[in-house]
């Protein structure tokens, strides 16, 4: 099963590279550089994640920031956070019988 962000699902029916690029350009202004969840308190900000410590729980929010060689790049990548979360969810599901995990 492949994780596809809702906003990109219509793009999957288009077959040309130009159509894909047009869809991505449409969402360039809708990126998540930071995450602020006041109910969880102050976040510890990493290079590409915001991390909240809420009691016994740890909440990690993957955003659209990009880093290379420990440097945060100025451009954001649309859907990056969604795709990385989808990959993590898949990996956790696939290994839950091997080792306890966050799910």
N, C-alpha and C. Protein backbone atom coordinates (compact mmCIF):
# COMPACT_ATOMS: atom_id res chain seq x y z
N UNK A 1 0.84 -1.18 0.00
CA UNK A 1 0.00 0.00 0.00
C UNK A 1 0.89 1.24 0.00
N UNK A 2 0.59 2.19 -0.88
CA UNK A 2 1.37 3.41 -1.00
C UNK A 2 0.59 4.55 -0.38
N UNK A 3 1.25 5.33 0.47
CA UNK A 3 0.62 6.50 1.09
C UNK A 3 0.63 7.64 0.10
N UNK A 4 -0.54 8.21 -0.18
CA UNK A 4 -0.65 9.36 -1.08
C UNK A 4 -1.42 10.45 -0.35
N UNK A 5 -0.80 11.62 -0.12
CA UNK A 5 -1.53 12.71 0.52
C UNK A 5 -2.80 13.03 -0.26
N UNK A 6 -3.86 13.36 0.50
CA UNK A 6 -5.15 13.66 -0.12
C UNK A 6 -5.03 14.68 -1.24
N UNK A 7 -4.25 15.71 -1.02
CA UNK A 7 -4.12 16.77 -2.01
C UNK A 7 -3.48 16.28 -3.30
N UNK A 8 -2.74 15.17 -3.22
CA UNK A 8 -2.06 14.66 -4.41
C UNK A 8 -2.83 13.54 -5.10
N UNK A 9 -3.93 13.06 -4.49
CA UNK A 9 -4.61 11.90 -5.06
C UNK A 9 -5.14 12.16 -6.46
N UNK A 10 -5.62 13.39 -6.73
CA UNK A 10 -6.10 13.69 -8.08
C UNK A 10 -4.95 13.68 -9.08
N UNK A 11 -3.74 13.99 -8.61
CA UNK A 11 -2.59 14.02 -9.49
C UNK A 11 -2.23 12.61 -9.97
N UNK A 12 -2.57 11.59 -9.21
CA UNK A 12 -2.20 10.23 -9.56
C UNK A 12 -2.85 9.77 -10.86
N UNK A 13 -3.99 10.36 -11.24
CA UNK A 13 -4.65 9.95 -12.47
C UNK A 13 -4.01 10.62 -13.68
N UNK A 14 -3.24 11.66 -13.49
CA UNK A 14 -2.55 12.34 -14.59
C UNK A 14 -1.24 11.61 -14.84
N UNK A 15 -0.87 11.50 -16.09
CA UNK A 15 0.31 10.69 -16.38
C UNK A 15 1.52 11.49 -16.80
N UNK A 16 1.37 12.76 -17.07
CA UNK A 16 2.52 13.50 -17.58
C UNK A 16 3.30 14.17 -16.47
N UNK A 17 4.57 14.33 -16.70
CA UNK A 17 5.43 15.02 -15.74
C UNK A 17 5.00 16.46 -15.57
N UNK A 18 4.58 17.09 -16.65
CA UNK A 18 4.14 18.49 -16.58
C UNK A 18 2.92 18.64 -15.68
N UNK A 19 1.99 17.70 -15.75
CA UNK A 19 0.80 17.77 -14.91
C UNK A 19 1.19 17.63 -13.43
N UNK A 20 2.15 16.75 -13.14
CA UNK A 20 2.62 16.58 -11.76
C UNK A 20 3.29 17.85 -11.26
N UNK A 21 4.14 18.42 -12.08
CA UNK A 21 4.81 19.66 -11.69
C UNK A 21 3.82 20.79 -11.46
N UNK A 22 2.80 20.86 -12.29
CA UNK A 22 1.78 21.91 -12.13
C UNK A 22 1.05 21.76 -10.80
N UNK A 23 0.75 20.54 -10.43
CA UNK A 23 0.06 20.30 -9.16
C UNK A 23 0.95 20.69 -7.99
N UNK A 24 2.20 20.32 -8.05
CA UNK A 24 3.13 20.68 -6.98
C UNK A 24 3.26 22.20 -6.88
N UNK A 25 3.40 22.88 -8.02
CA UNK A 25 3.50 24.34 -8.01
C UNK A 25 2.27 24.97 -7.38
N UNK A 26 1.11 24.36 -7.58
CA UNK A 26 -0.14 24.88 -7.02
C UNK A 26 -0.08 24.90 -5.49
N UNK A 27 0.66 23.98 -4.90
CA UNK A 27 0.72 23.86 -3.45
C UNK A 27 2.01 24.41 -2.84
N UNK A 28 2.83 25.09 -3.61
CA UNK A 28 4.10 25.59 -3.08
C UNK A 28 3.91 26.56 -1.92
N UNK A 29 2.83 27.30 -1.91
CA UNK A 29 2.60 28.26 -0.83
C UNK A 29 1.94 27.62 0.38
N UNK A 30 1.57 26.36 0.28
CA UNK A 30 0.90 25.67 1.38
C UNK A 30 1.87 24.66 1.97
N UNK A 31 2.88 25.14 2.61
CA UNK A 31 3.86 24.26 3.24
C UNK A 31 3.86 24.52 4.74
N UNK A 32 4.43 23.61 5.49
CA UNK A 32 4.46 23.71 6.94
C UNK A 32 5.90 23.92 7.41
N UNK A 33 6.29 25.20 7.62
CA UNK A 33 7.65 25.44 8.09
C UNK A 33 7.80 25.18 9.58
N UNK A 34 6.74 25.41 10.34
CA UNK A 34 6.76 25.24 11.79
C UNK A 34 5.41 24.70 12.24
N UNK A 35 5.40 24.14 13.42
CA UNK A 35 4.16 23.64 14.00
C UNK A 35 4.02 24.22 15.40
N UNK A 36 2.88 24.84 15.66
CA UNK A 36 2.64 25.41 16.98
C UNK A 36 1.37 24.80 17.54
N UNK A 37 1.52 24.00 18.58
CA UNK A 37 0.38 23.39 19.26
C UNK A 37 0.42 23.86 20.71
N UNK A 38 -0.24 24.98 21.02
CA UNK A 38 -0.11 25.58 22.35
C UNK A 38 -0.53 24.65 23.49
N UNK A 39 -1.45 23.73 23.23
CA UNK A 39 -1.91 22.81 24.27
C UNK A 39 -0.80 21.87 24.74
N UNK A 40 0.23 21.70 23.93
CA UNK A 40 1.33 20.79 24.29
C UNK A 40 2.54 21.52 24.87
N UNK A 41 2.45 22.83 24.97
CA UNK A 41 3.56 23.59 25.53
C UNK A 41 4.57 23.99 24.47
N UNK A 42 5.76 24.33 24.93
CA UNK A 42 6.79 24.80 24.01
C UNK A 42 7.45 23.62 23.29
N UNK A 43 7.62 23.80 22.00
CA UNK A 43 8.25 22.74 21.20
C UNK A 43 9.76 22.90 21.20
N UNK A 44 10.43 21.78 21.15
CA UNK A 44 11.87 21.77 20.87
C UNK A 44 11.98 21.66 19.36
N UNK A 45 12.65 22.60 18.75
CA UNK A 45 12.69 22.64 17.30
C UNK A 45 13.98 22.02 16.79
N UNK A 46 13.81 20.94 16.01
CA UNK A 46 14.95 20.32 15.35
C UNK A 46 15.10 20.89 13.96
N UNK A 47 15.96 20.26 13.17
CA UNK A 47 16.17 20.76 11.80
C UNK A 47 14.93 20.58 10.95
N UNK A 48 14.28 19.44 11.06
CA UNK A 48 13.11 19.17 10.21
C UNK A 48 11.91 18.67 11.00
N UNK A 49 11.95 18.74 12.33
CA UNK A 49 10.83 18.31 13.17
C UNK A 49 10.64 19.27 14.32
N UNK A 50 9.40 19.35 14.77
CA UNK A 50 9.09 20.02 16.02
C UNK A 50 8.69 18.93 17.00
N UNK A 51 9.27 18.96 18.19
CA UNK A 51 9.07 17.88 19.16
C UNK A 51 8.47 18.46 20.44
N UNK A 52 7.37 17.85 20.87
CA UNK A 52 6.71 18.24 22.10
C UNK A 52 6.81 17.11 23.11
N UNK A 53 7.05 17.46 24.36
CA UNK A 53 7.07 16.49 25.45
C UNK A 53 5.82 16.77 26.28
N UNK A 54 4.84 15.88 26.18
CA UNK A 54 3.55 16.05 26.86
C UNK A 54 3.38 14.92 27.87
N UNK A 55 3.81 15.17 29.10
CA UNK A 55 3.72 14.13 30.12
C UNK A 55 4.60 12.96 29.74
N UNK A 56 4.01 11.76 29.65
CA UNK A 56 4.76 10.57 29.28
C UNK A 56 4.89 10.41 27.77
N UNK A 57 4.23 11.27 27.03
CA UNK A 57 4.21 11.16 25.57
C UNK A 57 5.18 12.12 24.90
N UNK A 58 5.65 11.71 23.76
CA UNK A 58 6.47 12.55 22.90
C UNK A 58 5.73 12.69 21.57
N UNK A 59 5.50 13.92 21.15
CA UNK A 59 4.81 14.18 19.88
C UNK A 59 5.81 14.80 18.93
N UNK A 60 6.06 14.10 17.83
CA UNK A 60 7.00 14.60 16.82
C UNK A 60 6.22 14.99 15.58
N UNK A 61 6.37 16.24 15.15
CA UNK A 61 5.68 16.73 13.96
C UNK A 61 6.73 16.95 12.88
N UNK A 62 6.61 16.20 11.80
CA UNK A 62 7.53 16.38 10.68
C UNK A 62 6.97 17.46 9.79
N UNK A 63 7.78 18.47 9.52
CA UNK A 63 7.32 19.59 8.70
C UNK A 63 7.97 19.53 7.33
N UNK A 64 7.85 20.61 6.58
CA UNK A 64 8.36 20.63 5.21
C UNK A 64 9.74 21.30 5.09
N UNK A 65 10.38 21.54 6.25
CA UNK A 65 11.74 22.09 6.19
C UNK A 65 12.70 21.04 5.64
N UNK A 66 13.77 21.52 5.04
CA UNK A 66 14.77 20.63 4.44
C UNK A 66 16.13 20.99 5.01
N UNK A 67 16.92 19.98 5.31
CA UNK A 67 18.28 20.26 5.76
C UNK A 67 19.25 19.39 4.97
N UNK A 68 20.44 19.92 4.83
CA UNK A 68 21.52 19.18 4.17
C UNK A 68 22.82 19.55 4.88
N UNK A 69 23.54 18.55 5.29
CA UNK A 69 24.82 18.77 5.97
C UNK A 69 24.66 19.72 7.16
N UNK A 70 23.61 19.45 7.97
CA UNK A 70 23.31 20.22 9.18
C UNK A 70 23.00 21.69 8.91
N UNK A 71 22.54 22.01 7.75
CA UNK A 71 22.16 23.38 7.39
C UNK A 71 20.71 23.36 6.93
N UNK A 72 19.86 24.20 7.53
CA UNK A 72 18.46 24.27 7.11
C UNK A 72 18.38 25.11 5.85
N UNK A 73 17.87 24.52 4.78
CA UNK A 73 17.76 25.21 3.50
C UNK A 73 16.57 26.15 3.49
N UNK A 74 16.62 27.22 2.71
CA UNK A 74 15.55 28.22 2.73
C UNK A 74 14.25 27.77 2.05
N UNK A 75 14.33 26.82 1.14
CA UNK A 75 13.13 26.39 0.41
C UNK A 75 12.47 25.22 1.13
N UNK A 76 11.15 25.22 1.11
CA UNK A 76 10.38 24.12 1.69
C UNK A 76 9.92 23.19 0.58
N UNK A 77 9.66 21.94 0.92
CA UNK A 77 9.18 20.97 -0.07
C UNK A 77 7.74 20.60 0.29
N UNK A 78 6.79 20.94 -0.61
CA UNK A 78 5.40 20.60 -0.31
C UNK A 78 5.22 19.08 -0.14
N UNK A 79 4.41 18.70 0.84
CA UNK A 79 4.06 17.31 1.13
C UNK A 79 5.19 16.50 1.75
N UNK A 80 6.36 17.07 1.97
CA UNK A 80 7.47 16.32 2.53
C UNK A 80 7.11 15.73 3.89
N UNK A 81 6.53 16.55 4.75
CA UNK A 81 6.14 16.06 6.07
C UNK A 81 5.13 14.94 5.99
N UNK A 82 4.13 15.08 5.12
CA UNK A 82 3.11 14.05 4.96
C UNK A 82 3.71 12.74 4.45
N UNK A 83 4.60 12.84 3.49
CA UNK A 83 5.21 11.64 2.92
C UNK A 83 6.08 10.94 3.97
N UNK A 84 6.88 11.69 4.71
CA UNK A 84 7.73 11.08 5.73
C UNK A 84 6.90 10.43 6.84
N UNK A 85 5.79 11.07 7.23
CA UNK A 85 4.91 10.47 8.24
C UNK A 85 4.29 9.19 7.70
N UNK A 86 3.91 9.19 6.44
CA UNK A 86 3.35 7.99 5.83
C UNK A 86 4.34 6.85 5.78
N UNK A 87 5.58 7.16 5.46
CA UNK A 87 6.63 6.13 5.44
C UNK A 87 6.86 5.58 6.85
N UNK A 88 6.89 6.46 7.84
CA UNK A 88 7.07 6.01 9.22
C UNK A 88 5.92 5.13 9.66
N UNK A 89 4.69 5.54 9.34
CA UNK A 89 3.53 4.73 9.72
C UNK A 89 3.61 3.34 9.09
N UNK A 90 3.97 3.28 7.83
CA UNK A 90 4.11 2.00 7.14
C UNK A 90 5.18 1.13 7.84
N UNK A 91 6.33 1.73 8.12
CA UNK A 91 7.42 0.97 8.75
C UNK A 91 7.01 0.47 10.14
N UNK A 92 6.32 1.31 10.91
CA UNK A 92 5.85 0.88 12.23
C UNK A 92 4.86 -0.29 12.11
N UNK A 93 3.95 -0.21 11.15
CA UNK A 93 2.99 -1.29 10.95
C UNK A 93 3.70 -2.60 10.56
N UNK A 94 4.69 -2.48 9.70
CA UNK A 94 5.40 -3.67 9.21
C UNK A 94 6.27 -4.33 10.27
N UNK A 95 6.67 -3.58 11.29
CA UNK A 95 7.57 -4.13 12.29
C UNK A 95 6.95 -4.28 13.67
N UNK A 96 5.66 -4.03 13.80
CA UNK A 96 5.03 -4.07 15.11
C UNK A 96 5.07 -5.46 15.76
N UNK A 97 5.17 -6.51 14.96
CA UNK A 97 5.25 -7.85 15.52
C UNK A 97 6.68 -8.22 15.91
N UNK A 98 7.64 -7.39 15.53
CA UNK A 98 9.04 -7.65 15.82
C UNK A 98 9.51 -6.89 17.06
N UNK A 99 9.10 -5.63 17.14
CA UNK A 99 9.55 -4.76 18.23
C UNK A 99 8.43 -3.78 18.58
N UNK A 100 8.24 -3.49 19.88
CA UNK A 100 7.23 -2.49 20.25
C UNK A 100 7.58 -1.14 19.62
N UNK A 101 6.56 -0.40 19.19
CA UNK A 101 6.82 0.92 18.61
C UNK A 101 5.73 1.91 19.00
N UNK A 102 5.78 3.07 18.43
CA UNK A 102 4.88 4.17 18.81
C UNK A 102 3.43 3.91 18.46
N UNK A 103 3.16 3.01 17.53
CA UNK A 103 1.76 2.73 17.17
C UNK A 103 1.19 1.66 18.08
